[in-house]
């Protein structure tokens, strides 16, 4: 499954944060950051994390939405020498209703673009500070930057050397805790999907949700995909 019906068939086989289904990240290609075989060397990938930390330091001085923490998850936490994409979970000081699962709020995507994340071999998910950073997809995460402390050099060195066993993982305590969190997130996503559906043909709403290569239909797709993804994850836990 891809994150947008218009994103299939692009230059790299990755989802918004999953390495599945070709798509564009932030409406722009990042193929130029990759090797011919579709991978990026681990040291190069971690150097790009340093670029992310620098950008987030600068963004903290700007008005508008605020990122309070940045985590990595996925393959970068495995001892592999090459990566298809570095997966980020960006925690923002926003209510959960404004950043439901798999949503791409325009103000946050604009921030990502200003930070030039779409020029790097990165993909990202937005997470509200009120919730844990983990869920069914972000099964474990490691923080490498925070608004209060900046970059964590020890974490970046460990990631560069693939020495991850000593890192502090943020992850659920077990299936019951995961189920409770996914239920909360599904309820919020259901409300978000209903709101998008109700406003879909409103002229003002459509105007506010258009631009920079994004269309109202994309937001409906992301709202639907987010809700169904959570519903499927809960069903899998209950099976």
C-alpha atoms as a PDB file:
ATOM      1  CA  UNK A   1       0.000   0.000   0.000  1.00  0.00           C
ATOM      2  CA  UNK A   2       1.269   3.488  -0.801  1.00  0.00           C
ATOM      3  CA  UNK A   3       0.371   6.697   0.969  1.00  0.00           C
ATOM      4  CA  UNK A   4      -1.190   8.448  -1.998  1.00  0.00           C
ATOM      5  CA  UNK A   5      -3.051   7.166  -5.067  1.00  0.00           C
ATOM      6  CA  UNK A   6      -0.909   9.459  -7.225  1.00  0.00           C
ATOM      7  CA  UNK A   7       2.438   8.435  -5.788  1.00  0.00           C
ATOM      8  CA  UNK A   8       2.949   4.964  -7.215  1.00  0.00           C
ATOM      9  CA  UNK A   9       5.516   4.321  -9.890  1.00  0.00           C
ATOM     10  CA  UNK A  10       8.074   6.955  -8.878  1.00  0.00           C
ATOM     11  CA  UNK A  11      11.781   6.485  -8.637  1.00  0.00           C
ATOM     12  CA  UNK A  12      12.193   4.590  -5.355  1.00  0.00           C
ATOM     13  CA  UNK A  13      10.297   1.803  -3.632  1.00  0.00           C
ATOM     14  CA  UNK A  14       9.482   3.390  -0.281  1.00  0.00           C
ATOM     15  CA  UNK A  15       6.341   4.439   1.533  1.00  0.00           C
ATOM     16  CA  UNK A  16       6.131   7.572   3.685  1.00  0.00           C
ATOM     17  CA  UNK A  17       8.153   5.723   6.234  1.00  0.00           C
ATOM     18  CA  UNK A  18       7.964   2.110   5.097  1.00  0.00           C
ATOM     19  CA  UNK A  19      10.244   0.808   2.359  1.00  0.00           C
ATOM     20  CA  UNK A  20       7.290  -0.298   0.244  1.00  0.00           C
ATOM     21  CA  UNK A  21       5.527   1.182  -2.745  1.00  0.00           C
ATOM     22  CA  UNK A  22       7.190   3.891  -4.823  1.00  0.00           C
ATOM     23  CA  UNK A  23       6.341   7.480  -3.911  1.00  0.00           C
ATOM     24  CA  UNK A  24       7.506  11.052  -3.696  1.00  0.00           C
ATOM     25  CA  UNK A  25       8.578  12.438  -0.322  1.00  0.00           C
ATOM     26  CA  UNK A  26       7.270  15.941   0.297  1.00  0.00           C
ATOM     27  CA  UNK A  27       6.363  16.149  -3.395  1.00  0.00           C
ATOM     28  CA  UNK A  28      10.030  15.948  -4.453  1.00  0.00           C
ATOM     29  CA  UNK A  29      12.313  13.150  -5.531  1.00  0.00           C
ATOM     30  CA  UNK A  30      15.339  12.244  -3.477  1.00  0.00           C
ATOM     31  CA  UNK A  31      16.810   9.682  -5.867  1.00  0.00           C
ATOM     32  CA  UNK A  32      19.961  11.756  -6.264  1.00  0.00           C
ATOM     33  CA  UNK A  33      20.893  10.957  -2.654  1.00  0.00           C
ATOM     34  CA  UNK A  34      20.965   7.218  -3.341  1.00  0.00           C
ATOM     35  CA  UNK A  35      23.405   4.773  -4.888  1.00  0.00           C
ATOM     36  CA  UNK A  36      22.584   3.205  -8.236  1.00  0.00           C
ATOM     37  CA  UNK A  37      21.412   0.048  -6.465  1.00  0.00           C
ATOM     38  CA  UNK A  38      18.897   2.031  -4.382  1.00  0.00           C
ATOM     39  CA  UNK A  39      20.899   2.074  -1.133  1.00  0.00           C
ATOM     40  CA  UNK A  40      22.780   4.650   0.879  1.00  0.00           C
ATOM     41  CA  UNK A  41      25.875   3.805   2.920  1.00  0.00           C
ATOM     42  CA  UNK A  42      25.316   3.830   6.666  1.00  0.00           C
ATOM     43  CA  UNK A  43      27.915   6.550   7.455  1.00  0.00           C
ATOM     44  CA  UNK A  44      26.365   8.783   4.812  1.00  0.00           C
ATOM     45  CA  UNK A  45      22.902   8.208   6.256  1.00  0.00           C
ATOM     46  CA  UNK A  46      24.039   9.121   9.763  1.00  0.00           C
ATOM     47  CA  UNK A  47      25.766  12.229   8.444  1.00  0.00           C
ATOM     48  CA  UNK A  48      22.413  13.247   7.048  1.00  0.00           C
ATOM     49  CA  UNK A  49      20.938  12.809  10.539  1.00  0.00           C
ATOM     50  CA  UNK A  50      23.427  15.444  11.675  1.00  0.00           C
ATOM     51  CA  UNK A  51      22.025  17.705   8.958  1.00  0.00           C
ATOM     52  CA  UNK A  52      18.533  17.054  10.319  1.00  0.00           C
ATOM     53  CA  UNK A  53      19.683  18.004  13.833  1.00  0.00           C
ATOM     54  CA  UNK A  54      21.228  21.234  12.522  1.00  0.00           C
ATOM     55  CA  UNK A  55      18.024  22.097  10.690  1.00  0.00           C
ATOM     56  CA  UNK A  56      15.897  21.444  13.755  1.00  0.00           C
ATOM     57  CA  UNK A  57      18.175  23.680  15.840  1.00  0.00           C
ATOM     58  CA  UNK A  58      17.554  26.499  13.364  1.00  0.00           C
ATOM     59  CA  UNK A  59      13.834  25.779  13.106  1.00  0.00           C
ATOM     60  CA  UNK A  60      13.508  26.248  16.856  1.00  0.00           C
ATOM     61  CA  UNK A  61      14.077  29.963  16.292  1.00  0.00           C
ATOM     62  CA  UNK A  62      11.303  30.275  13.728  1.00  0.00           C
ATOM     63  CA  UNK A  63       7.659  31.101  14.438  1.00  0.00           C
ATOM     64  CA  UNK A  64       5.044  28.458  13.802  1.00  0.00           C
ATOM     65  CA  UNK A  65       4.863  24.722  14.607  1.00  0.00           C
ATOM     66  CA  UNK A  66       7.515  23.394  16.939  1.00  0.00           C
ATOM     67  CA  UNK A  67       9.302  20.053  16.781  1.00  0.00           C
ATOM     68  CA  UNK A  68      10.207  18.969  20.317  1.00  0.00           C
ATOM     69  CA  UNK A  69      12.010  15.692  19.591  1.00  0.00           C
ATOM     70  CA  UNK A  70      13.338  13.668  16.673  1.00  0.00           C
ATOM     71  CA  UNK A  71      13.699   9.882  16.705  1.00  0.00           C
ATOM     72  CA  UNK A  72      14.903   7.245  14.284  1.00  0.00           C
ATOM     73  CA  UNK A  73      13.271   3.866  13.826  1.00  0.00           C
ATOM     74  CA  UNK A  74      13.246   0.992  11.381  1.00  0.00           C
ATOM     75  CA  UNK A  75      16.260  -0.450   9.570  1.00  0.00           C
ATOM     76  CA  UNK A  76      18.727   2.115  10.929  1.00  0.00           C
ATOM     77  CA  UNK A  77      18.387   0.358  14.298  1.00  0.00           C
ATOM     78  CA  UNK A  78      19.561  -2.901  12.740  1.00  0.00           C
ATOM     79  CA  UNK A  79      23.257  -3.719  12.103  1.00  0.00           C
ATOM     80  CA  UNK A  80      23.095  -3.157   8.345  1.00  0.00           C
ATOM     81  CA  UNK A  81      25.706  -1.412   6.207  1.00  0.00           C
ATOM     82  CA  UNK A  82      23.291   0.121   3.709  1.00  0.00           C
ATOM     83  CA  UNK A  83      19.830   1.629   4.028  1.00  0.00           C
ATOM     84  CA  UNK A  84      17.096   2.400   1.546  1.00  0.00           C
ATOM     85  CA  UNK A  85      15.840   5.284   3.662  1.00  0.00           C
ATOM     86  CA  UNK A  86      16.315   6.676   7.166  1.00  0.00           C
ATOM     87  CA  UNK A  87      12.982   6.710   8.954  1.00  0.00           C
ATOM     88  CA  UNK A  88      12.213   9.604  11.299  1.00  0.00           C
ATOM     89  CA  UNK A  89       9.502  10.102  13.891  1.00  0.00           C
ATOM     90  CA  UNK A  90       9.152  13.824  14.529  1.00  0.00           C
ATOM     91  CA  UNK A  91       7.357  14.742  17.748  1.00  0.00           C
ATOM     92  CA  UNK A  92       5.510  18.053  17.594  1.00  0.00           C
ATOM     93  CA  UNK A  93       3.886  20.270  20.185  1.00  0.00           C
ATOM     94  CA  UNK A  94       0.445  19.863  18.626  1.00  0.00           C
ATOM     95  CA  UNK A  95      -2.773  18.207  19.858  1.00  0.00           C
ATOM     96  CA  UNK A  96      -3.314  14.636  18.610  1.00  0.00           C
ATOM     97  CA  UNK A  97      -6.414  15.718  16.688  1.00  0.00           C
ATOM     98  CA  UNK A  98      -4.189  17.932  14.519  1.00  0.00           C
ATOM     99  CA  UNK A  99      -1.650  15.209  13.713  1.00  0.00           C
ATOM    100  CA  UNK A 100      -3.506  11.885  13.485  1.00  0.00           C
ATOM    101  CA  UNK A 101      -1.668   8.867  12.167  1.00  0.00           C
ATOM    102  CA  UNK A 102      -0.353   9.173   8.584  1.00  0.00           C
ATOM    103  CA  UNK A 103      -1.612  12.754   8.234  1.00  0.00           C
ATOM    104  CA  UNK A 104       0.494  15.392   6.531  1.00  0.00           C
ATOM    105  CA  UNK A 105      -0.622  18.784   7.837  1.00  0.00           C
ATOM    106  CA  UNK A 106       0.399  21.531   5.434  1.00  0.00           C
ATOM    107  CA  UNK A 107       2.071  23.664   8.133  1.00  0.00           C
ATOM    108  CA  UNK A 108       4.237  20.730   9.238  1.00  0.00           C
ATOM    109  CA  UNK A 109       5.112  19.670   5.718  1.00  0.00           C
ATOM    110  CA  UNK A 110       6.095  23.287   5.019  1.00  0.00           C
ATOM    111  CA  UNK A 111       8.423  23.121   8.017  1.00  0.00           C
ATOM    112  CA  UNK A 112       9.952  19.888   6.696  1.00  0.00           C
ATOM    113  CA  UNK A 113      10.483  21.566   3.336  1.00  0.00           C
ATOM    114  CA  UNK A 114      12.134  24.611   4.929  1.00  0.00           C
ATOM    115  CA  UNK A 115      14.424  22.222   6.794  1.00  0.00           C
ATOM    116  CA  UNK A 116      15.163  20.567   3.429  1.00  0.00           C
ATOM    117  CA  UNK A 117      14.250  17.110   4.671  1.00  0.00           C
ATOM    118  CA  UNK A 118      12.854  16.383   1.227  1.00  0.00           C
ATOM    119  CA  UNK A 119      16.361  16.811  -0.187  1.00  0.00           C
ATOM    120  CA  UNK A 120      17.762  14.069   2.054  1.00  0.00           C
ATOM    121  CA  UNK A 121      17.335  10.272   1.991  1.00  0.00           C
ATOM    122  CA  UNK A 122      14.759  10.560   4.772  1.00  0.00           C
ATOM    123  CA  UNK A 123      11.121   9.782   5.351  1.00  0.00           C
ATOM    124  CA  UNK A 124       9.130  10.894   8.362  1.00  0.00           C
ATOM    125  CA  UNK A 125       6.022  10.501  10.480  1.00  0.00           C
ATOM    126  CA  UNK A 126       4.551  13.249  12.647  1.00  0.00           C
ATOM    127  CA  UNK A 127       3.739  12.288  16.240  1.00  0.00           C
ATOM    128  CA  UNK A 128       1.998  14.471  18.863  1.00  0.00           C
ATOM    129  CA  UNK A 129       3.884  15.067  22.093  1.00  0.00           C
ATOM    130  CA  UNK A 130       0.855  13.874  24.081  1.00  0.00           C
ATOM    131  CA  UNK A 131       1.270  10.326  22.764  1.00  0.00           C
ATOM    132  CA  UNK A 132       4.160   7.859  22.934  1.00  0.00           C
ATOM    133  CA  UNK A 133       6.393   8.057  19.900  1.00  0.00           C
ATOM    134  CA  UNK A 134       5.891   4.320  19.301  1.00  0.00           C
ATOM    135  CA  UNK A 135       2.944   2.523  17.762  1.00  0.00           C
ATOM    136  CA  UNK A 136       2.477  -0.585  15.608  1.00  0.00           C
ATOM    137  CA  UNK A 137       4.761   0.734  12.858  1.00  0.00           C
ATOM    138  CA  UNK A 138       7.262   2.558  15.049  1.00  0.00           C
ATOM    139  CA  UNK A 139       7.826  -0.558  17.144  1.00  0.00           C
ATOM    140  CA  UNK A 140      10.960   0.908  18.742  1.00  0.00           C
ATOM    141  CA  UNK A 141      12.584   4.301  18.386  1.00  0.00           C
ATOM    142  CA  UNK A 142      15.704   6.115  19.556  1.00  0.00           C
ATOM    143  CA  UNK A 143      15.820   9.850  20.155  1.00  0.00           C
ATOM    144  CA  UNK A 144      18.789  11.645  18.586  1.00  0.00           C
ATOM    145  CA  UNK A 145      17.642  15.267  19.038  1.00  0.00           C
ATOM    146  CA  UNK A 146      15.427  17.281  21.381  1.00  0.00           C
ATOM    147  CA  UNK A 147      14.493  20.938  21.570  1.00  0.00           C
ATOM    148  CA  UNK A 148      15.814  21.161  25.118  1.00  0.00           C
ATOM    149  CA  UNK A 149      19.169  19.399  24.677  1.00  0.00           C
ATOM    150  CA  UNK A 150      19.879  19.508  20.951  1.00  0.00           C
ATOM    151  CA  UNK A 151      21.637  16.615  19.262  1.00  0.00           C
ATOM    152  CA  UNK A 152      22.710  13.540  21.198  1.00  0.00           C
ATOM    153  CA  UNK A 153      26.259  12.953  19.967  1.00  0.00           C
ATOM    154  CA  UNK A 154      26.551   9.617  21.761  1.00  0.00           C
ATOM    155  CA  UNK A 155      23.478   8.312  19.965  1.00  0.00           C
ATOM    156  CA  UNK A 156      24.702   9.533  16.586  1.00  0.00           C
ATOM    157  CA  UNK A 157      28.104   7.864  17.103  1.00  0.00           C
ATOM    158  CA  UNK A 158      26.443   4.609  18.134  1.00  0.00           C
ATOM    159  CA  UNK A 159      24.184   4.690  15.101  1.00  0.00           C
ATOM    160  CA  UNK A 160      27.118   5.395  12.786  1.00  0.00           C
ATOM    161  CA  UNK A 161      28.955   2.358  14.181  1.00  0.00           C
ATOM    162  CA  UNK A 162      25.786   0.197  14.265  1.00  0.00           C
ATOM    163  CA  UNK A 163      26.271  -0.240  18.026  1.00  0.00           C
ATOM    164  CA  UNK A 164      22.609  -0.022  18.955  1.00  0.00           C
ATOM    165  CA  UNK A 165      22.301  -2.544  21.780  1.00  0.00           C
ATOM    166  CA  UNK A 166      23.266   0.007  24.416  1.00  0.00           C
ATOM    167  CA  UNK A 167      20.836   2.650  23.233  1.00  0.00           C
ATOM    168  CA  UNK A 168      17.651   3.587  25.073  1.00  0.00           C
ATOM    169  CA  UNK A 169      14.703   2.373  23.025  1.00  0.00           C
ATOM    170  CA  UNK A 170      11.244   3.838  23.362  1.00  0.00           C
ATOM    171  CA  UNK A 171       8.824   0.978  22.832  1.00  0.00           C
ATOM    172  CA  UNK A 172       5.602  -0.451  24.242  1.00  0.00           C
ATOM    173  CA  UNK A 173       5.674  -2.539  27.387  1.00  0.00           C
ATOM    174  CA  UNK A 174       3.653  -5.323  25.815  1.00  0.00           C
ATOM    175  CA  UNK A 175       0.613  -6.201  23.658  1.00  0.00           C
ATOM    176  CA  UNK A 176      -1.916  -4.731  26.096  1.00  0.00           C
ATOM    177  CA  UNK A 177      -0.216  -1.342  26.173  1.00  0.00           C
ATOM    178  CA  UNK A 178       0.064  -1.404  22.394  1.00  0.00           C
ATOM    179  CA  UNK A 179      -3.607  -2.257  22.022  1.00  0.00           C
ATOM    180  CA  UNK A 180      -4.680   0.585  24.313  1.00  0.00           C
ATOM    181  CA  UNK A 181      -2.583   3.097  22.388  1.00  0.00           C
ATOM    182  CA  UNK A 182      -3.775   1.911  18.985  1.00  0.00           C
ATOM    183  CA  UNK A 183      -7.391   2.148  20.113  1.00  0.00           C
ATOM    184  CA  UNK A 184      -6.839   5.756  21.179  1.00  0.00           C
ATOM    185  CA  UNK A 185      -5.187   6.554  17.869  1.00  0.00           C
ATOM    186  CA  UNK A 186      -7.904   4.806  15.845  1.00  0.00           C
ATOM    187  CA  UNK A 187     -10.626   6.826  17.581  1.00  0.00           C
ATOM    188  CA  UNK A 188      -8.809  10.060  16.747  1.00  0.00           C
ATOM    189  CA  UNK A 189      -8.272   8.921  13.163  1.00  0.00           C
ATOM    190  CA  UNK A 190     -11.933   8.045  12.818  1.00  0.00           C
ATOM    191  CA  UNK A 191     -12.882  11.557  13.885  1.00  0.00           C
ATOM    192  CA  UNK A 192     -10.326  13.037  11.507  1.00  0.00           C
ATOM    193  CA  UNK A 193     -11.635  10.982   8.593  1.00  0.00           C
ATOM    194  CA  UNK A 194     -15.205  12.040   9.347  1.00  0.00           C
ATOM    195  CA  UNK A 195     -14.154  15.704   9.447  1.00  0.00           C
ATOM    196  CA  UNK A 196     -12.295  15.449   6.132  1.00  0.00           C
ATOM    197  CA  UNK A 197     -15.266  13.714   4.505  1.00  0.00           C
ATOM    198  CA  UNK A 198     -17.702  16.328   5.809  1.00  0.00           C
ATOM    199  CA  UNK A 199     -15.610  19.239   4.500  1.00  0.00           C
ATOM    200  CA  UNK A 200     -14.358  17.682   1.308  1.00  0.00           C
ATOM    201  CA  UNK A 201     -16.508  19.782  -1.037  1.00  0.00           C
ATOM    202  CA  UNK A 202     -16.273  22.980   0.979  1.00  0.00           C
ATOM    203  CA  UNK A 203     -14.543  25.594  -1.186  1.00  0.00           C
ATOM    204  CA  UNK A 204     -12.576  27.190   1.636  1.00  0.00           C
ATOM    205  CA  UNK A 205     -11.413  23.818   2.976  1.00  0.00           C
ATOM    206  CA  UNK A 206     -10.317  22.689  -0.466  1.00  0.00           C
ATOM    207  CA  UNK A 207      -8.389  25.915  -0.967  1.00  0.00           C
ATOM    208  CA  UNK A 208      -6.624  25.505   2.383  1.00  0.00           C
ATOM    209  CA  UNK A 209      -5.691  21.912   1.533  1.00  0.00           C
ATOM    210  CA  UNK A 210      -4.274  22.531  -1.921  1.00  0.00           C
ATOM    211  CA  UNK A 211      -0.843  23.622  -3.040  1.00  0.00           C
ATOM    212  CA  UNK A 212       2.780  22.516  -3.420  1.00  0.00           C
ATOM    213  CA  UNK A 213       1.708  19.460  -5.379  1.00  0.00           C
ATOM    214  CA  UNK A 214      -0.896  18.389  -2.824  1.00  0.00           C
ATOM    215  CA  UNK A 215      -4.634  18.167  -3.526  1.00  0.00           C
ATOM    216  CA  UNK A 216      -7.742  17.693  -1.360  1.00  0.00           C
ATOM    217  CA  UNK A 217      -7.985  14.099  -2.527  1.00  0.00           C
ATOM    218  CA  UNK A 218      -4.577  13.398  -1.014  1.00  0.00           C
ATOM    219  CA  UNK A 219      -5.796  14.448   2.422  1.00  0.00           C
ATOM    220  CA  UNK A 220      -8.849  12.212   2.071  1.00  0.00           C
ATOM    221  CA  UNK A 221      -6.573   9.351   1.052  1.00  0.00           C
ATOM    222  CA  UNK A 222      -4.214   9.872   3.992  1.00  0.00           C
ATOM    223  CA  UNK A 223      -7.099  10.131   6.460  1.00  0.00           C
ATOM    224  CA  UNK A 224      -8.620   6.904   5.124  1.00  0.00           C
ATOM    225  CA  UNK A 225      -5.292   5.088   5.012  1.00  0.00           C
ATOM    226  CA  UNK A 226      -4.410   6.137   8.551  1.00  0.00           C
ATOM    227  CA  UNK A 227      -7.704   4.923   9.993  1.00  0.00           C
ATOM    228  CA  UNK A 228      -7.623   1.608   8.123  1.00  0.00           C
ATOM    229  CA  UNK A 229      -3.975   1.031   9.003  1.00  0.00           C
ATOM    230  CA  UNK A 230      -4.747   1.367  12.706  1.00  0.00           C
ATOM    231  CA  UNK A 231      -7.895  -0.740  12.425  1.00  0.00           C
ATOM    232  CA  UNK A 232      -5.918  -3.493  10.706  1.00  0.00           C
ATOM    233  CA  UNK A 233      -3.209  -3.322  13.369  1.00  0.00           C
ATOM    234  CA  UNK A 234      -5.759  -3.720  16.159  1.00  0.00           C
ATOM    235  CA  UNK A 235      -7.380  -6.651  14.370  1.00  0.00           C
ATOM    236  CA  UNK A 236      -3.977  -8.314  14.012  1.00  0.00           C
ATOM    237  CA  UNK A 237      -3.344  -7.943  17.750  1.00  0.00           C
ATOM    238  CA  UNK A 238      -6.724  -9.428  18.558  1.00  0.00           C
ATOM    239  CA  UNK A 239      -6.313 -12.371  16.177  1.00  0.00           C
END
